[in-house]
């Protein structure tokens, strides 16, 4: 059965790159060696593989990759640090303007 991987790389500028592949070793080496000059990681090498999870279904992997790409840095760091339980808390808007922070004048 074919496996698919969603991974996060930490770049030399401390940014994160999220991707999906069916061969994590090959794809990591491509990033590390700068195979594609147009790739986000090309000028941010060296890169470090900080997270990887596998899927049996390509559509599940694609959906998870898209989801993670939309996440904040803090949410990405939660899964990198295997703190999945923090995701729910981090999903709550913390802005001062959030309705949960509204204080009714008396």
C-alpha atoms as a PDB file:
ATOM      1  CA  UNK A   1       0.000   0.000   0.000  1.00  0.00           C
ATOM      2  CA  UNK A   2       1.319   3.421  -0.953  1.00  0.00           C
ATOM      3  CA  UNK A   3       2.027   5.864   1.874  1.00  0.00           C
ATOM      4  CA  UNK A   4       1.750   9.644   1.759  1.00  0.00           C
ATOM      5  CA  UNK A   5       3.473  12.029   4.115  1.00  0.00           C
ATOM      6  CA  UNK A   6       2.727  15.528   5.349  1.00  0.00           C
ATOM      7  CA  UNK A   7       5.846  17.154   6.701  1.00  0.00           C
ATOM      8  CA  UNK A   8       7.100  20.407   8.172  1.00  0.00           C
ATOM      9  CA  UNK A   9      10.606  21.701   7.599  1.00  0.00           C
ATOM     10  CA  UNK A  10      12.248  24.334   9.754  1.00  0.00           C
ATOM     11  CA  UNK A  11      14.264  26.630   7.517  1.00  0.00           C
ATOM     12  CA  UNK A  12      17.513  28.432   8.319  1.00  0.00           C
ATOM     13  CA  UNK A  13      15.572  31.695   8.808  1.00  0.00           C
ATOM     14  CA  UNK A  14      13.342  29.902  11.410  1.00  0.00           C
ATOM     15  CA  UNK A  15      10.315  29.891   9.102  1.00  0.00           C
ATOM     16  CA  UNK A  16       8.340  26.706   8.499  1.00  0.00           C
ATOM     17  CA  UNK A  17       7.571  24.995   5.208  1.00  0.00           C
ATOM     18  CA  UNK A  18       4.730  22.463   5.000  1.00  0.00           C
ATOM     19  CA  UNK A  19       4.559  19.940   2.201  1.00  0.00           C
ATOM     20  CA  UNK A  20       3.249  16.545   1.102  1.00  0.00           C
ATOM     21  CA  UNK A  21       5.005  13.690  -0.677  1.00  0.00           C
ATOM     22  CA  UNK A  22       4.912   9.955  -1.291  1.00  0.00           C
ATOM     23  CA  UNK A  23       8.666   9.610  -0.575  1.00  0.00           C
ATOM     24  CA  UNK A  24       9.785  11.606   2.453  1.00  0.00           C
ATOM     25  CA  UNK A  25      13.489  10.726   2.145  1.00  0.00           C
ATOM     26  CA  UNK A  26      13.694  11.755  -1.514  1.00  0.00           C
ATOM     27  CA  UNK A  27      11.692  14.943  -0.927  1.00  0.00           C
ATOM     28  CA  UNK A  28      13.797  15.982   2.071  1.00  0.00           C
ATOM     29  CA  UNK A  29      16.987  15.545   0.042  1.00  0.00           C
ATOM     30  CA  UNK A  30      15.480  17.606  -2.785  1.00  0.00           C
ATOM     31  CA  UNK A  31      14.813  20.450  -0.347  1.00  0.00           C
ATOM     32  CA  UNK A  32      18.210  20.101   1.316  1.00  0.00           C
ATOM     33  CA  UNK A  33      20.107  19.995  -1.986  1.00  0.00           C
ATOM     34  CA  UNK A  34      18.159  22.835  -3.608  1.00  0.00           C
ATOM     35  CA  UNK A  35      16.898  20.843  -6.603  1.00  0.00           C
ATOM     36  CA  UNK A  36      14.206  23.411  -7.461  1.00  0.00           C
ATOM     37  CA  UNK A  37      15.386  27.043  -7.609  1.00  0.00           C
ATOM     38  CA  UNK A  38      11.750  28.221  -7.407  1.00  0.00           C
ATOM     39  CA  UNK A  39      11.011  26.310  -4.187  1.00  0.00           C
ATOM     40  CA  UNK A  40      10.360  28.325  -0.995  1.00  0.00           C
ATOM     41  CA  UNK A  41      13.186  26.497   0.769  1.00  0.00           C
ATOM     42  CA  UNK A  42      15.841  27.073  -1.926  1.00  0.00           C
ATOM     43  CA  UNK A  43      17.344  30.183  -0.317  1.00  0.00           C
ATOM     44  CA  UNK A  44      16.471  29.091   3.215  1.00  0.00           C
ATOM     45  CA  UNK A  45      18.769  26.086   3.454  1.00  0.00           C
ATOM     46  CA  UNK A  46      19.810  24.149   5.371  1.00  0.00           C
ATOM     47  CA  UNK A  47      16.428  22.797   6.386  1.00  0.00           C
ATOM     48  CA  UNK A  48      15.526  20.448   9.214  1.00  0.00           C
ATOM     49  CA  UNK A  49      12.682  17.918   9.173  1.00  0.00           C
ATOM     50  CA  UNK A  50      10.761  18.718  12.376  1.00  0.00           C
ATOM     51  CA  UNK A  51       7.449  16.936  11.766  1.00  0.00           C
ATOM     52  CA  UNK A  52       6.195  14.086   9.619  1.00  0.00           C
ATOM     53  CA  UNK A  53       3.002  12.050   9.674  1.00  0.00           C
ATOM     54  CA  UNK A  54       1.793   9.423   7.245  1.00  0.00           C
ATOM     55  CA  UNK A  55      -1.490   8.680   5.526  1.00  0.00           C
ATOM     56  CA  UNK A  56      -2.797   5.734   3.527  1.00  0.00           C
ATOM     57  CA  UNK A  57      -5.080   7.908   1.401  1.00  0.00           C
ATOM     58  CA  UNK A  58      -3.751  10.709  -0.807  1.00  0.00           C
ATOM     59  CA  UNK A  59      -6.881  12.837  -0.352  1.00  0.00           C
ATOM     60  CA  UNK A  60      -6.493  12.736   3.437  1.00  0.00           C
ATOM     61  CA  UNK A  61      -2.862  13.813   3.113  1.00  0.00           C
ATOM     62  CA  UNK A  62      -3.757  16.673   0.758  1.00  0.00           C
ATOM     63  CA  UNK A  63      -6.526  17.864   3.077  1.00  0.00           C
ATOM     64  CA  UNK A  64      -4.243  17.786   6.129  1.00  0.00           C
ATOM     65  CA  UNK A  65      -1.455  19.585   4.272  1.00  0.00           C
ATOM     66  CA  UNK A  66      -3.868  22.376   3.276  1.00  0.00           C
ATOM     67  CA  UNK A  67      -5.166  22.594   6.829  1.00  0.00           C
ATOM     68  CA  UNK A  68      -1.672  22.876   8.347  1.00  0.00           C
ATOM     69  CA  UNK A  69      -0.589  25.446   5.764  1.00  0.00           C
ATOM     70  CA  UNK A  70      -3.389  27.689   7.041  1.00  0.00           C
ATOM     71  CA  UNK A  71      -2.383  27.336  10.678  1.00  0.00           C
ATOM     72  CA  UNK A  72      -0.548  29.858  12.822  1.00  0.00           C
ATOM     73  CA  UNK A  73       3.054  29.306  13.793  1.00  0.00           C
ATOM     74  CA  UNK A  74       1.922  28.391  17.332  1.00  0.00           C
ATOM     75  CA  UNK A  75      -0.387  25.648  16.054  1.00  0.00           C
ATOM     76  CA  UNK A  76       2.379  24.231  13.854  1.00  0.00           C
ATOM     77  CA  UNK A  77       4.742  24.254  16.835  1.00  0.00           C
ATOM     78  CA  UNK A  78       2.129  22.431  18.918  1.00  0.00           C
ATOM     79  CA  UNK A  79       2.125  19.435  16.555  1.00  0.00           C
ATOM     80  CA  UNK A  80       5.906  19.634  16.080  1.00  0.00           C
ATOM     81  CA  UNK A  81       6.185  19.293  19.873  1.00  0.00           C
ATOM     82  CA  UNK A  82       3.526  16.531  19.938  1.00  0.00           C
ATOM     83  CA  UNK A  83       1.100  18.709  21.913  1.00  0.00           C
ATOM     84  CA  UNK A  84      -2.007  17.972  19.882  1.00  0.00           C
ATOM     85  CA  UNK A  85      -4.194  18.790  22.885  1.00  0.00           C
ATOM     86  CA  UNK A  86      -3.125  22.458  22.585  1.00  0.00           C
ATOM     87  CA  UNK A  87      -4.730  22.838  19.134  1.00  0.00           C
ATOM     88  CA  UNK A  88      -8.231  23.495  20.485  1.00  0.00           C
ATOM     89  CA  UNK A  89      -6.992  26.238  22.806  1.00  0.00           C
ATOM     90  CA  UNK A  90      -4.878  27.795  20.052  1.00  0.00           C
ATOM     91  CA  UNK A  91      -7.865  27.822  17.690  1.00  0.00           C
ATOM     92  CA  UNK A  92      -9.713  30.290  19.924  1.00  0.00           C
ATOM     93  CA  UNK A  93      -9.266  33.901  18.860  1.00  0.00           C
ATOM     94  CA  UNK A  94      -7.106  35.708  21.414  1.00  0.00           C
ATOM     95  CA  UNK A  95      -7.531  39.208  19.971  1.00  0.00           C
ATOM     96  CA  UNK A  96      -8.664  41.954  22.307  1.00  0.00           C
ATOM     97  CA  UNK A  97     -11.554  42.639  19.929  1.00  0.00           C
ATOM     98  CA  UNK A  98     -12.911  39.075  20.279  1.00  0.00           C
ATOM     99  CA  UNK A  99     -16.480  39.004  21.571  1.00  0.00           C
ATOM    100  CA  UNK A 100     -15.440  36.791  24.493  1.00  0.00           C
ATOM    101  CA  UNK A 101     -13.265  39.653  25.727  1.00  0.00           C
ATOM    102  CA  UNK A 102     -16.123  42.166  25.573  1.00  0.00           C
ATOM    103  CA  UNK A 103     -16.930  43.738  28.890  1.00  0.00           C
ATOM    104  CA  UNK A 104     -20.389  45.203  29.171  1.00  0.00           C
ATOM    105  CA  UNK A 105     -20.461  48.663  30.681  1.00  0.00           C
ATOM    106  CA  UNK A 106     -22.579  48.849  33.791  1.00  0.00           C
END
